[in-house]
Amino acid sequence: PDVFYYGSNKFHRNLNKGEKLETLSGDLTNGKKEGKIPFGTLTTIVES
């Protein structure tokens, strides 16, 4: 439970309760698209 995951358009992880997140991936979406709300974002994270 000290391990915390977070998703922007990239995947982030911290091993100390979310203190300083480390970016572990590149863009996991199909890329930015212009619009009035952010698109090309992660929506779901599930660990086995």
All heavy atoms as atom14 arrays in JSON, in Angstrom:
{
  "sequence": "PDVFYYGSNKFHRNLNKGEKLETLSGDLTNGKKEGKIPFGTLTTIVES",
  "atom14_mask": [
    [1, 1, 1, 1, 1, 1, 1, 0, 0, 0, 0, 0, 0, 0],
    [1, 1, 1, 1, 1, 1, 1, 1, 0, 0, 0, 0, 0, 0],
    [1, 1, 1, 1, 1, 1, 1, 0, 0, 0, 0, 0, 0, 0],
    [1, 1, 1, 1, 1, 1, 1, 1, 1, 1, 1, 0, 0, 0],
    [1, 1, 1, 1, 1, 1, 1, 1, 1, 1, 1, 1, 0, 0],
    [1, 1, 1, 1, 1, 1, 1, 1, 1, 1, 1, 1, 0, 0],
    [1, 1, 1, 1, 0, 0, 0, 0, 0, 0, 0, 0, 0, 0],
    [1, 1, 1, 1, 1, 1, 0, 0, 0, 0, 0, 0, 0, 0],
    [1, 1, 1, 1, 1, 1, 1, 1, 0, 0, 0, 0, 0, 0],
    [1, 1, 1, 1, 1, 1, 1, 1, 1, 0, 0, 0, 0, 0],
    [1, 1, 1, 1, 1, 1, 1, 1, 1, 1, 1, 0, 0, 0],
    [1, 1, 1, 1, 1, 1, 1, 1, 1, 1, 0, 0, 0, 0],
    [1, 1, 1, 1, 1, 1, 1, 1, 1, 1, 1, 0, 0, 0],
    [1, 1, 1, 1, 1, 1, 1, 1, 0, 0, 0, 0, 0, 0],
    [1, 1, 1, 1, 1, 1, 1, 1, 0, 0, 0, 0, 0, 0],
    [1, 1, 1, 1, 1, 1, 1, 1, 0, 0, 0, 0, 0, 0],
    [1, 1, 1, 1, 1, 1, 1, 1, 1, 0, 0, 0, 0, 0],
    [1, 1, 1, 1, 0, 0, 0, 0, 0, 0, 0, 0, 0, 0],
    [1, 1, 1, 1, 1, 1, 1, 1, 1, 0, 0, 0, 0, 0],
    [1, 1, 1, 1, 1, 1, 1, 1, 1, 0, 0, 0, 0, 0],
    [1, 1, 1, 1, 1, 1, 1, 1, 0, 0, 0, 0, 0, 0],
    [1, 1, 1, 1, 1, 1, 1, 1, 1, 0, 0, 0, 0, 0],
    [1, 1, 1, 1, 1, 1, 1, 0, 0, 0, 0, 0, 0, 0],
    [1, 1, 1, 1, 1, 1, 1, 1, 0, 0, 0, 0, 0, 0],
    [1, 1, 1, 1, 1, 1, 0, 0, 0, 0, 0, 0, 0, 0],
    [1, 1, 1, 1, 0, 0, 0, 0, 0, 0, 0, 0, 0, 0],
    [1, 1, 1, 1, 1, 1, 1, 1, 0, 0, 0, 0, 0, 0],
    [1, 1, 1, 1, 1, 1, 1, 1, 0, 0, 0, 0, 0, 0],
    [1, 1, 1, 1, 1, 1, 1, 0, 0, 0, 0, 0, 0, 0],
    [1, 1, 1, 1, 1, 1, 1, 1, 0, 0, 0, 0, 0, 0],
    [1, 1, 1, 1, 0, 0, 0, 0, 0, 0, 0, 0, 0, 0],
    [1, 1, 1, 1, 1, 1, 1, 1, 1, 0, 0, 0, 0, 0],
    [1, 1, 1, 1, 1, 1, 1, 1, 1, 0, 0, 0, 0, 0],
    [1, 1, 1, 1, 1, 1, 1, 1, 1, 0, 0, 0, 0, 0],
    [1, 1, 1, 1, 0, 0, 0, 0, 0, 0, 0, 0, 0, 0],
    [1, 1, 1, 1, 1, 1, 1, 1, 1, 0, 0, 0, 0, 0],
    [1, 1, 1, 1, 1, 1, 1, 1, 0, 0, 0, 0, 0, 0],
    [1, 1, 1, 1, 1, 1, 1, 0, 0, 0, 0, 0, 0, 0],
    [1, 1, 1, 1, 1, 1, 1, 1, 1, 1, 1, 0, 0, 0],
    [1, 1, 1, 1, 0, 0, 0, 0, 0, 0, 0, 0, 0, 0],
    [1, 1, 1, 1, 1, 1, 1, 0, 0, 0, 0, 0, 0, 0],
    [1, 1, 1, 1, 1, 1, 1, 1, 0, 0, 0, 0, 0, 0],
    [1, 1, 1, 1, 1, 1, 1, 0, 0, 0, 0, 0, 0, 0],
    [1, 1, 1, 1, 1, 1, 1, 0, 0, 0, 0, 0, 0, 0],
    [1, 1, 1, 1, 1, 1, 1, 1, 0, 0, 0, 0, 0, 0],
    [1, 1, 1, 1, 1, 1, 1, 0, 0, 0, 0, 0, 0, 0],
    [1, 1, 1, 1, 1, 1, 1, 1, 1, 0, 0, 0, 0, 0],
    [1, 1, 1, 1, 1, 1, 0, 0, 0, 0, 0, 0, 0, 0]
  ],
  "atom14_positions": [
    [[0.79, -1.24, 0.0], [0.0, 0.0, 0.0], [0.82, 1.29, 0.0], [0.22, 2.36, -0.03], [-0.83, -0.13, 1.28], [-0.9, -1.59, 1.56], [0.43, -2.13, 1.13], [0.0, 0.0, 0.0], [0.0, 0.0, 0.0], [0.0, 0.0, 0.0], [0.0, 0.0, 0.0], [0.0, 0.0, 0.0], [0.0, 0.0, 0.0], [0.0, 0.0, 0.0]],
    [[2.15, 1.22, 0.06], [2.95, 2.42, -0.15], [3.09, 2.75, -1.63], [3.52, 3.84, -1.99], [4.35, 2.25, 0.45], [4.34, 2.3, 1.97], [3.35, 2.79, 2.53], [5.32, 1.85, 2.58], [0.0, 0.0, 0.0], [0.0, 0.0, 0.0], [0.0, 0.0, 0.0], [0.0, 0.0, 0.0], [0.0, 0.0, 0.0], [0.0, 0.0, 0.0]],
    [[2.74, 1.79, -2.49], [2.92, 1.94, -3.94], [1.66, 2.58, -4.53], [0.55, 2.06, -4.4], [3.19, 0.59, -4.61], [3.37, 0.77, -6.12], [4.43, -0.05, -4.01], [0.0, 0.0, 0.0], [0.0, 0.0, 0.0], [0.0, 0.0, 0.0], [0.0, 0.0, 0.0], [0.0, 0.0, 0.0], [0.0, 0.0, 0.0], [0.0, 0.0, 0.0]],
    [[1.87, 3.71, -5.18], [0.77, 4.5, -5.7], [0.96, 4.72, -7.2], [2.04, 5.09, -7.66], [0.73, 5.85, -4.96], [-0.35, 6.79, -5.42], [-1.65, 6.68, -4.95], [-0.06, 7.81, -6.33], [-2.64, 7.56, -5.35], [-1.05, 8.69, -6.75], [-2.33, 8.56, -6.26], [0.0, 0.0, 0.0], [0.0, 0.0, 0.0], [0.0, 0.0, 0.0]],
    [[-0.1, 4.47, -7.97], [-0.07, 4.65, -9.43], [-0.99, 5.82, -9.82], [-2.02, 6.07, -9.18], [-0.56, 3.4, -10.16], [0.22, 2.14, -9.85], [-0.41, 1.05, -9.24], [1.57, 2.03, -10.16], [0.29, -0.12, -8.97], [2.27, 0.86, -9.89], [1.63, -0.21, -9.29], [2.31, -1.37, -9.02], [0.0, 0.0, 0.0], [0.0, 0.0, 0.0]],
    [[-0.61, 6.49, -10.92], [-1.34, 7.67, -11.38], [-1.25, 7.74, -12.9], [-0.2, 7.43, -13.48], [-0.7, 8.91, -10.74], [-1.31, 10.26, -11.08], [-2.02, 10.98, -10.12], [-1.15, 10.83, -12.34], [-2.55, 12.24, -10.41], [-1.7, 12.08, -12.64], [-2.4, 12.77, -11.66], [-2.93, 14.01, -11.95], [0.0, 0.0, 0.0], [0.0, 0.0, 0.0]],
    [[-2.34, 8.15, -13.55], [-2.33, 8.22, -15.0], [-2.71, 9.58, -15.55], [-3.8, 10.09, -15.27], [0.0, 0.0, 0.0], [0.0, 0.0, 0.0], [0.0, 0.0, 0.0], [0.0, 0.0, 0.0], [0.0, 0.0, 0.0], [0.0, 0.0, 0.0], [0.0, 0.0, 0.0], [0.0, 0.0, 0.0], [0.0, 0.0, 0.0], [0.0, 0.0, 0.0]],
    [[-1.82, 10.21, -16.3], [-2.15, 11.4, -17.08], [-2.35, 10.89, -18.51], [-3.23, 10.07, -18.73], [-1.03, 12.45, -16.98], [0.22, 11.9, -17.4], [0.0, 0.0, 0.0], [0.0, 0.0, 0.0], [0.0, 0.0, 0.0], [0.0, 0.0, 0.0], [0.0, 0.0, 0.0], [0.0, 0.0, 0.0], [0.0, 0.0, 0.0], [0.0, 0.0, 0.0]],
    [[-1.58, 11.35, -19.48], [-1.48, 10.63, -20.73], [-0.3, 9.67, -20.67], [-0.08, 8.87, -21.57], [-1.33, 11.59, -21.92], [-0.14, 12.52, -21.78], [0.02, 13.19, -20.76], [0.7, 12.57, -22.79], [0.0, 0.0, 0.0], [0.0, 0.0, 0.0], [0.0, 0.0, 0.0], [0.0, 0.0, 0.0], [0.0, 0.0, 0.0], [0.0, 0.0, 0.0]],
    [[0.42, 9.75, -19.53], [1.52, 8.84, -19.25], [1.24, 8.1, -17.95], [0.31, 8.43, -17.22], [2.85, 9.61, -19.16], [3.21, 10.37, -20.42], [4.51, 11.15, -20.27], [4.87, 11.89, -21.55], [6.15, 12.65, -21.41], [0.0, 0.0, 0.0], [0.0, 0.0, 0.0], [0.0, 0.0, 0.0], [0.0, 0.0, 0.0], [0.0, 0.0, 0.0]],
    [[2.07, 7.11, -17.66], [1.9, 6.3, -16.45], [2.94, 6.72, -15.41], [4.13, 6.81, -15.71], [2.08, 4.82, -16.8], [1.93, 3.89, -15.63], [0.69, 3.63, -15.07], [3.04, 3.26, -15.08], [0.55, 2.77, -14.0], [2.92, 2.39, -14.01], [1.67, 2.15, -13.47], [0.0, 0.0, 0.0], [0.0, 0.0, 0.0], [0.0, 0.0, 0.0]],
    [[2.47, 6.99, -14.2], [3.34, 7.47, -13.14], [3.24, 6.54, -11.93], [2.18, 5.95, -11.67], [2.96, 8.89, -12.71], [2.79, 9.84, -13.85], [3.8, 10.63, -14.34], [1.7, 10.13, -14.61], [3.35, 11.37, -15.34], [2.08, 11.09, -15.52], [0.0, 0.0, 0.0], [0.0, 0.0, 0.0], [0.0, 0.0, 0.0], [0.0, 0.0, 0.0]],
    [[4.34, 6.45, -11.18], [4.35, 5.58, -10.0], [5.21, 6.21, -8.91], [6.17, 6.93, -9.18], [4.93, 4.2, -10.35], [4.9, 3.2, -9.2], [5.83, 2.03, -9.46], [7.24, 2.47, -9.45], [8.27, 1.7, -9.75], [8.06, 0.45, -10.14], [9.51, 2.16, -9.7], [0.0, 0.0, 0.0], [0.0, 0.0, 0.0], [0.0, 0.0, 0.0]],
    [[4.84, 5.93, -7.66], [5.66, 6.32, -6.52], [5.65, 5.18, -5.52], [4.63, 4.53, -5.3], [5.14, 7.61, -5.88], [5.91, 7.97, -4.63], [5.49, 7.65, -3.53], [7.07, 8.6, -4.79], [0.0, 0.0, 0.0], [0.0, 0.0, 0.0], [0.0, 0.0, 0.0], [0.0, 0.0, 0.0], [0.0, 0.0, 0.0], [0.0, 0.0, 0.0]],
    [[6.78, 4.95, -4.87], [6.9, 3.86, -3.91], [6.78, 4.34, -2.47], [6.97, 3.56, -1.54], [8.26, 3.16, -4.1], [8.54, 2.62, -5.51], [9.92, 1.99, -5.58], [7.48, 1.61, -5.93], [0.0, 0.0, 0.0], [0.0, 0.0, 0.0], [0.0, 0.0, 0.0], [0.0, 0.0, 0.0], [0.0, 0.0, 0.0], [0.0, 0.0, 0.0]],
    [[6.45, 5.63, -2.29], [6.37, 6.19, -0.94], [5.11, 7.05, -0.78], [5.18, 8.25, -0.58], [7.62, 7.02, -0.64], [7.65, 7.52, 0.8], [7.09, 6.89, 1.69], [8.29, 8.65, 1.01], [0.0, 0.0, 0.0], [0.0, 0.0, 0.0], [0.0, 0.0, 0.0], [0.0, 0.0, 0.0], [0.0, 0.0, 0.0], [0.0, 0.0, 0.0]],
    [[3.95, 6.43, -0.96], [2.65, 7.06, -0.68], [2.39, 8.3, -1.53], [1.78, 9.26, -1.09], [2.53, 7.42, 0.8], [2.68, 6.24, 1.74], [2.55, 6.68, 3.19], [2.7, 5.5, 4.14], [2.58, 5.92, 5.56], [0.0, 0.0, 0.0], [0.0, 0.0, 0.0], [0.0, 0.0, 0.0], [0.0, 0.0, 0.0], [0.0, 0.0, 0.0]],
    [[2.88, 8.27, -2.77], [2.58, 9.35, -3.7], [3.39, 10.61, -3.53], [3.07, 11.64, -4.13], [0.0, 0.0, 0.0], [0.0, 0.0, 0.0], [0.0, 0.0, 0.0], [0.0, 0.0, 0.0], [0.0, 0.0, 0.0], [0.0, 0.0, 0.0], [0.0, 0.0, 0.0], [0.0, 0.0, 0.0], [0.0, 0.0, 0.0], [0.0, 0.0, 0.0]],
    [[4.45, 10.57, -2.74], [5.2, 11.8, -2.42], [5.76, 12.49, -3.65], [5.53, 13.67, -3.86], [6.34, 11.46, -1.45], [5.89, 11.12, -0.04], [5.49, 12.36, 0.74], [5.74, 13.48, 0.28], [4.92, 12.2, 1.84], [0.0, 0.0, 0.0], [0.0, 0.0, 0.0], [0.0, 0.0, 0.0], [0.0, 0.0, 0.0], [0.0, 0.0, 0.0]],
    [[6.54, 11.78, -4.47], [7.1, 12.35, -5.69], [6.96, 11.32, -6.8], [7.71, 10.34, -6.85], [8.57, 12.73, -5.48], [8.78, 13.9, -4.53], [10.24, 14.28, -4.44], [10.44, 15.47, -3.49], [11.88, 15.86, -3.38], [0.0, 0.0, 0.0], [0.0, 0.0, 0.0], [0.0, 0.0, 0.0], [0.0, 0.0, 0.0], [0.0, 0.0, 0.0]],
    [[6.02, 11.55, -7.68], [5.72, 10.58, -8.73], [6.83, 10.54, -9.78], [7.37, 11.57, -10.18], [4.4, 10.93, -9.4], [3.15, 10.69, -8.53], [1.93, 11.3, -9.19], [2.94, 9.21, -8.28], [0.0, 0.0, 0.0], [0.0, 0.0, 0.0], [0.0, 0.0, 0.0], [0.0, 0.0, 0.0], [0.0, 0.0, 0.0], [0.0, 0.0, 0.0]],
    [[7.14, 9.34, -10.21], [8.11, 9.1, -11.27], [7.37, 8.69, -12.54], [6.47, 7.86, -12.5], [9.06, 7.97, -10.85], [10.12, 7.61, -11.86], [10.95, 6.41, -11.43], [10.64, 5.81, -10.38], [11.92, 6.08, -12.14], [0.0, 0.0, 0.0], [0.0, 0.0, 0.0], [0.0, 0.0, 0.0], [0.0, 0.0, 0.0], [0.0, 0.0, 0.0]],
    [[7.7, 9.32, -13.65], [7.06, 9.0, -14.93], [7.75, 7.78, -15.52], [8.94, 7.81, -15.82], [7.15, 10.18, -15.9], [6.53, 11.32, -15.29], [6.43, 9.87, -17.2], [0.0, 0.0, 0.0], [0.0, 0.0, 0.0], [0.0, 0.0, 0.0], [0.0, 0.0, 0.0], [0.0, 0.0, 0.0], [0.0, 0.0, 0.0], [0.0, 0.0, 0.0]],
    [[6.99, 6.7, -15.72], [7.58, 5.43, -16.17], [7.32, 5.13, -17.64], [7.87, 4.16, -18.16], [7.04, 4.28, -15.32], [7.4, 4.3, -13.83], [6.92, 3.01, -13.17], [8.89, 4.46, -13.62], [0.0, 0.0, 0.0], [0.0, 0.0, 0.0], [0.0, 0.0, 0.0], [0.0, 0.0, 0.0], [0.0, 0.0, 0.0], [0.0, 0.0, 0.0]],
    [[6.47, 5.91, -18.3], [6.15, 5.58, -19.69], [6.14, 6.84, -20.54], [6.15, 7.97, -20.04], [4.76, 4.91, -19.77], [3.74, 5.88, -19.67], [0.0, 0.0, 0.0], [0.0, 0.0, 0.0], [0.0, 0.0, 0.0], [0.0, 0.0, 0.0], [0.0, 0.0, 0.0], [0.0, 0.0, 0.0], [0.0, 0.0, 0.0], [0.0, 0.0, 0.0]],
    [[6.09, 6.62, -21.84], [5.8, 7.71, -22.76], [4.3, 7.87, -22.88], [3.53, 7.36, -22.05], [0.0, 0.0, 0.0], [0.0, 0.0, 0.0], [0.0, 0.0, 0.0], [0.0, 0.0, 0.0], [0.0, 0.0, 0.0], [0.0, 0.0, 0.0], [0.0, 0.0, 0.0], [0.0, 0.0, 0.0], [0.0, 0.0, 0.0], [0.0, 0.0, 0.0]],
    [[3.88, 8.56, -23.91], [2.45, 8.77, -24.14], [1.79, 7.43, -24.49], [2.16, 6.8, -25.48], [2.26, 9.78, -25.27], [0.83, 10.3, -25.36], [-0.08, 9.66, -24.81], [0.62, 11.35, -26.0], [0.0, 0.0, 0.0], [0.0, 0.0, 0.0], [0.0, 0.0, 0.0], [0.0, 0.0, 0.0], [0.0, 0.0, 0.0], [0.0, 0.0, 0.0]],
    [[0.84, 7.01, -23.68], [0.15, 5.73, -23.9], [-1.15, 5.9, -24.68], [-1.91, 4.94, -24.83], [-0.13, 5.05, -22.56], [1.11, 4.66, -21.75], [0.7, 4.04, -20.41], [1.99, 3.69, -22.53], [0.0, 0.0, 0.0], [0.0, 0.0, 0.0], [0.0, 0.0, 0.0], [0.0, 0.0, 0.0], [0.0, 0.0, 0.0], [0.0, 0.0, 0.0]],
    [[-1.4, 7.11, -25.18], [-2.6, 7.37, -25.98], [-2.2, 7.53, -27.44], [-1.02, 7.37, -27.79], [-3.31, 8.64, -25.5], [-2.58, 9.8, -25.92], [-3.43, 8.65, -23.97], [0.0, 0.0, 0.0], [0.0, 0.0, 0.0], [0.0, 0.0, 0.0], [0.0, 0.0, 0.0], [0.0, 0.0, 0.0], [0.0, 0.0, 0.0], [0.0, 0.0, 0.0]],
    [[-3.16, 7.88, -28.26], [-2.87, 8.12, -29.67], [-2.42, 9.55, -29.94], [-2.29, 9.96, -31.09], [-4.11, 7.8, -30.53], [-4.45, 6.32, -30.46], [-3.58, 5.46, -30.49], [-5.74, 6.02, -30.34], [0.0, 0.0, 0.0], [0.0, 0.0, 0.0], [0.0, 0.0, 0.0], [0.0, 0.0, 0.0], [0.0, 0.0, 0.0], [0.0, 0.0, 0.0]],
    [[-2.2, 10.3, -28.87], [-1.65, 11.64, -29.02], [-2.68, 12.72, -28.82], [-3.89, 12.5, -28.76], [0.0, 0.0, 0.0], [0.0, 0.0, 0.0], [0.0, 0.0, 0.0], [0.0, 0.0, 0.0], [0.0, 0.0, 0.0], [0.0, 0.0, 0.0], [0.0, 0.0, 0.0], [0.0, 0.0, 0.0], [0.0, 0.0, 0.0], [0.0, 0.0, 0.0]],
    [[-2.19, 13.94, -28.72], [-3.02, 15.11, -28.45], [-3.93, 15.42, -29.64], [-3.52, 15.32, -30.79], [-2.12, 16.31, -28.15], [-2.85, 17.64, -28.01], [-1.86, 18.76, -27.83], [-2.53, 20.12, -27.84], [-1.56, 21.22, -27.71], [0.0, 0.0, 0.0], [0.0, 0.0, 0.0], [0.0, 0.0, 0.0], [0.0, 0.0, 0.0], [0.0, 0.0, 0.0]],
    [[-5.15, 15.82, -29.33], [-6.05, 16.36, -30.33], [-6.58, 17.7, -29.82], [-6.86, 17.85, -28.65], [-7.23, 15.4, -30.6], [-6.84, 14.17, -31.39], [-8.07, 13.39, -31.83], [-7.68, 12.18, -32.69], [-8.89, 11.44, -33.15], [0.0, 0.0, 0.0], [0.0, 0.0, 0.0], [0.0, 0.0, 0.0], [0.0, 0.0, 0.0], [0.0, 0.0, 0.0]],
    [[-6.71, 18.64, -30.74], [-7.2, 19.95, -30.35], [-8.66, 19.87, -29.94], [-9.45, 19.14, -30.53], [-7.03, 20.95, -31.5], [-5.58, 21.19, -31.9], [-4.74, 21.8, -30.8], [-5.34, 22.51, -29.96], [-3.53, 21.58, -30.78], [0.0, 0.0, 0.0], [0.0, 0.0, 0.0], [0.0, 0.0, 0.0], [0.0, 0.0, 0.0], [0.0, 0.0, 0.0]],
    [[-9.03, 20.63, -28.95], [-10.41, 20.64, -28.5], [-10.55, 21.47, -27.25], [-9.58, 22.05, -26.75], [0.0, 0.0, 0.0], [0.0, 0.0, 0.0], [0.0, 0.0, 0.0], [0.0, 0.0, 0.0], [0.0, 0.0, 0.0], [0.0, 0.0, 0.0], [0.0, 0.0, 0.0], [0.0, 0.0, 0.0], [0.0, 0.0, 0.0], [0.0, 0.0, 0.0]],
    [[-11.75, 21.55, -26.74], [-12.03, 22.38, -25.59], [-11.91, 21.64, -24.26], [-12.1, 22.21, -23.2], [-13.44, 22.98, -25.72], [-13.59, 23.87, -26.94], [-12.54, 24.97, -27.0], [-12.74, 25.9, -28.18], [-11.66, 26.89, -28.32], [0.0, 0.0, 0.0], [0.0, 0.0, 0.0], [0.0, 0.0, 0.0], [0.0, 0.0, 0.0], [0.0, 0.0, 0.0]],
    [[-11.64, 20.35, -24.31], [-11.32, 19.58, -23.11], [-10.15, 18.68, -23.45], [-9.93, 18.35, -24.61], [-12.51, 18.74, -22.59], [-13.0, 17.78, -23.68], [-13.64, 19.63, -22.13], [-14.06, 16.82, -23.2], [0.0, 0.0, 0.0], [0.0, 0.0, 0.0], [0.0, 0.0, 0.0], [0.0, 0.0, 0.0], [0.0, 0.0, 0.0], [0.0, 0.0, 0.0]],
    [[-9.35, 18.26, -22.47], [-8.22, 17.38, -22.76], [-8.7, 16.06, -23.36], [-9.67, 15.46, -22.89], [-7.58, 17.16, -21.38], [-8.06, 18.28, -20.54], [-9.42, 18.61, -21.03], [0.0, 0.0, 0.0], [0.0, 0.0, 0.0], [0.0, 0.0, 0.0], [0.0, 0.0, 0.0], [0.0, 0.0, 0.0], [0.0, 0.0, 0.0], [0.0, 0.0, 0.0]],
    [[-8.03, 15.6, -24.39], [-8.33, 14.31, -25.02], [-7.0, 13.63, -25.33], [-6.0, 14.28, -25.58], [-9.15, 14.5, -26.3], [-9.61, 13.21, -26.91], [-10.64, 12.49, -26.33], [-9.0, 12.71, -28.04], [-11.06, 11.29, -26.89], [-9.42, 11.51, -28.61], [-10.46, 10.8, -28.04], [0.0, 0.0, 0.0], [0.0, 0.0, 0.0], [0.0, 0.0, 0.0]],
    [[-7.05, 12.29, -25.32], [-5.82, 11.53, -25.37], [-5.27, 11.42, -23.97], [-4.14, 11.81, -23.68], [0.0, 0.0, 0.0], [0.0, 0.0, 0.0], [0.0, 0.0, 0.0], [0.0, 0.0, 0.0], [0.0, 0.0, 0.0], [0.0, 0.0, 0.0], [0.0, 0.0, 0.0], [0.0, 0.0, 0.0], [0.0, 0.0, 0.0], [0.0, 0.0, 0.0]],
    [[-6.1, 10.87, -23.07], [-5.76, 10.76, -21.65], [-6.06, 9.36, -21.15], [-6.9, 8.65, -21.71], [-6.57, 11.76, -20.8], [-7.97, 11.46, -20.92], [-6.34, 13.19, -21.26], [0.0, 0.0, 0.0], [0.0, 0.0, 0.0], [0.0, 0.0, 0.0], [0.0, 0.0, 0.0], [0.0, 0.0, 0.0], [0.0, 0.0, 0.0], [0.0, 0.0, 0.0]],
    [[-5.39, 8.96, -20.08], [-5.7, 7.68, -19.45], [-6.95, 7.83, -18.6], [-7.17, 8.87, -17.97], [-4.53, 7.2, -18.59], [-3.21, 6.94, -19.35], [-2.16, 6.38, -18.4], [-3.42, 5.98, -20.51], [0.0, 0.0, 0.0], [0.0, 0.0, 0.0], [0.0, 0.0, 0.0], [0.0, 0.0, 0.0], [0.0, 0.0, 0.0], [0.0, 0.0, 0.0]],
    [[-7.77, 6.79, -18.59], [-9.04, 6.82, -17.84], [-9.13, 5.72, -16.8], [-9.95, 5.81, -15.88], [-10.23, 6.65, -18.81], [-10.06, 5.44, -19.55], [-10.31, 7.83, -19.77], [0.0, 0.0, 0.0], [0.0, 0.0, 0.0], [0.0, 0.0, 0.0], [0.0, 0.0, 0.0], [0.0, 0.0, 0.0], [0.0, 0.0, 0.0], [0.0, 0.0, 0.0]],
    [[-8.32, 4.67, -16.92], [-8.45, 3.51, -16.03], [-7.08, 2.94, -15.7], [-6.23, 2.8, -16.58], [-9.29, 2.41, -16.69], [-10.55, 2.94, -17.08], [-9.52, 1.25, -15.73], [0.0, 0.0, 0.0], [0.0, 0.0, 0.0], [0.0, 0.0, 0.0], [0.0, 0.0, 0.0], [0.0, 0.0, 0.0], [0.0, 0.0, 0.0], [0.0, 0.0, 0.0]],
    [[-6.88, 2.62, -14.42], [-5.7, 1.88, -13.97], [-6.18, 0.76, -13.06], [-6.96, 1.0, -12.13], [-4.72, 2.77, -13.19], [-4.17, 3.89, -14.07], [-3.57, 1.93, -12.62], [-3.27, 4.86, -13.32], [0.0, 0.0, 0.0], [0.0, 0.0, 0.0], [0.0, 0.0, 0.0], [0.0, 0.0, 0.0], [0.0, 0.0, 0.0], [0.0, 0.0, 0.0]],
    [[-5.73, -0.46, -13.31], [-6.06, -1.59, -12.45], [-4.82, -2.48, -12.31], [-4.22, -2.87, -13.3], [-7.22, -2.43, -13.03], [-7.48, -3.64, -12.14], [-8.49, -1.61, -13.16], [0.0, 0.0, 0.0], [0.0, 0.0, 0.0], [0.0, 0.0, 0.0], [0.0, 0.0, 0.0], [0.0, 0.0, 0.0], [0.0, 0.0, 0.0], [0.0, 0.0, 0.0]],
    [[-4.48, -2.78, -11.06], [-3.4, -3.74, -10.81], [-4.02, -5.09, -10.48], [-5.03, -5.18, -9.77], [-2.53, -3.27, -9.65], [-1.34, -4.21, -9.4], [-0.5, -3.76, -8.22], [-1.08, -3.4, -7.17], [0.75, -3.78, -8.33], [0.0, 0.0, 0.0], [0.0, 0.0, 0.0], [0.0, 0.0, 0.0], [0.0, 0.0, 0.0], [0.0, 0.0, 0.0]],
    [[-3.4, -6.15, -10.96], [-3.88, -7.5, -10.69], [-3.95, -7.75, -9.19], [-3.04, -7.39, -8.45], [-2.96, -8.52, -11.35], [-3.22, -9.83, -10.87], [0.0, 0.0, 0.0], [0.0, 0.0, 0.0], [0.0, 0.0, 0.0], [0.0, 0.0, 0.0], [0.0, 0.0, 0.0], [0.0, 0.0, 0.0], [0.0, 0.0, 0.0], [0.0, 0.0, 0.0]]
  ]
}
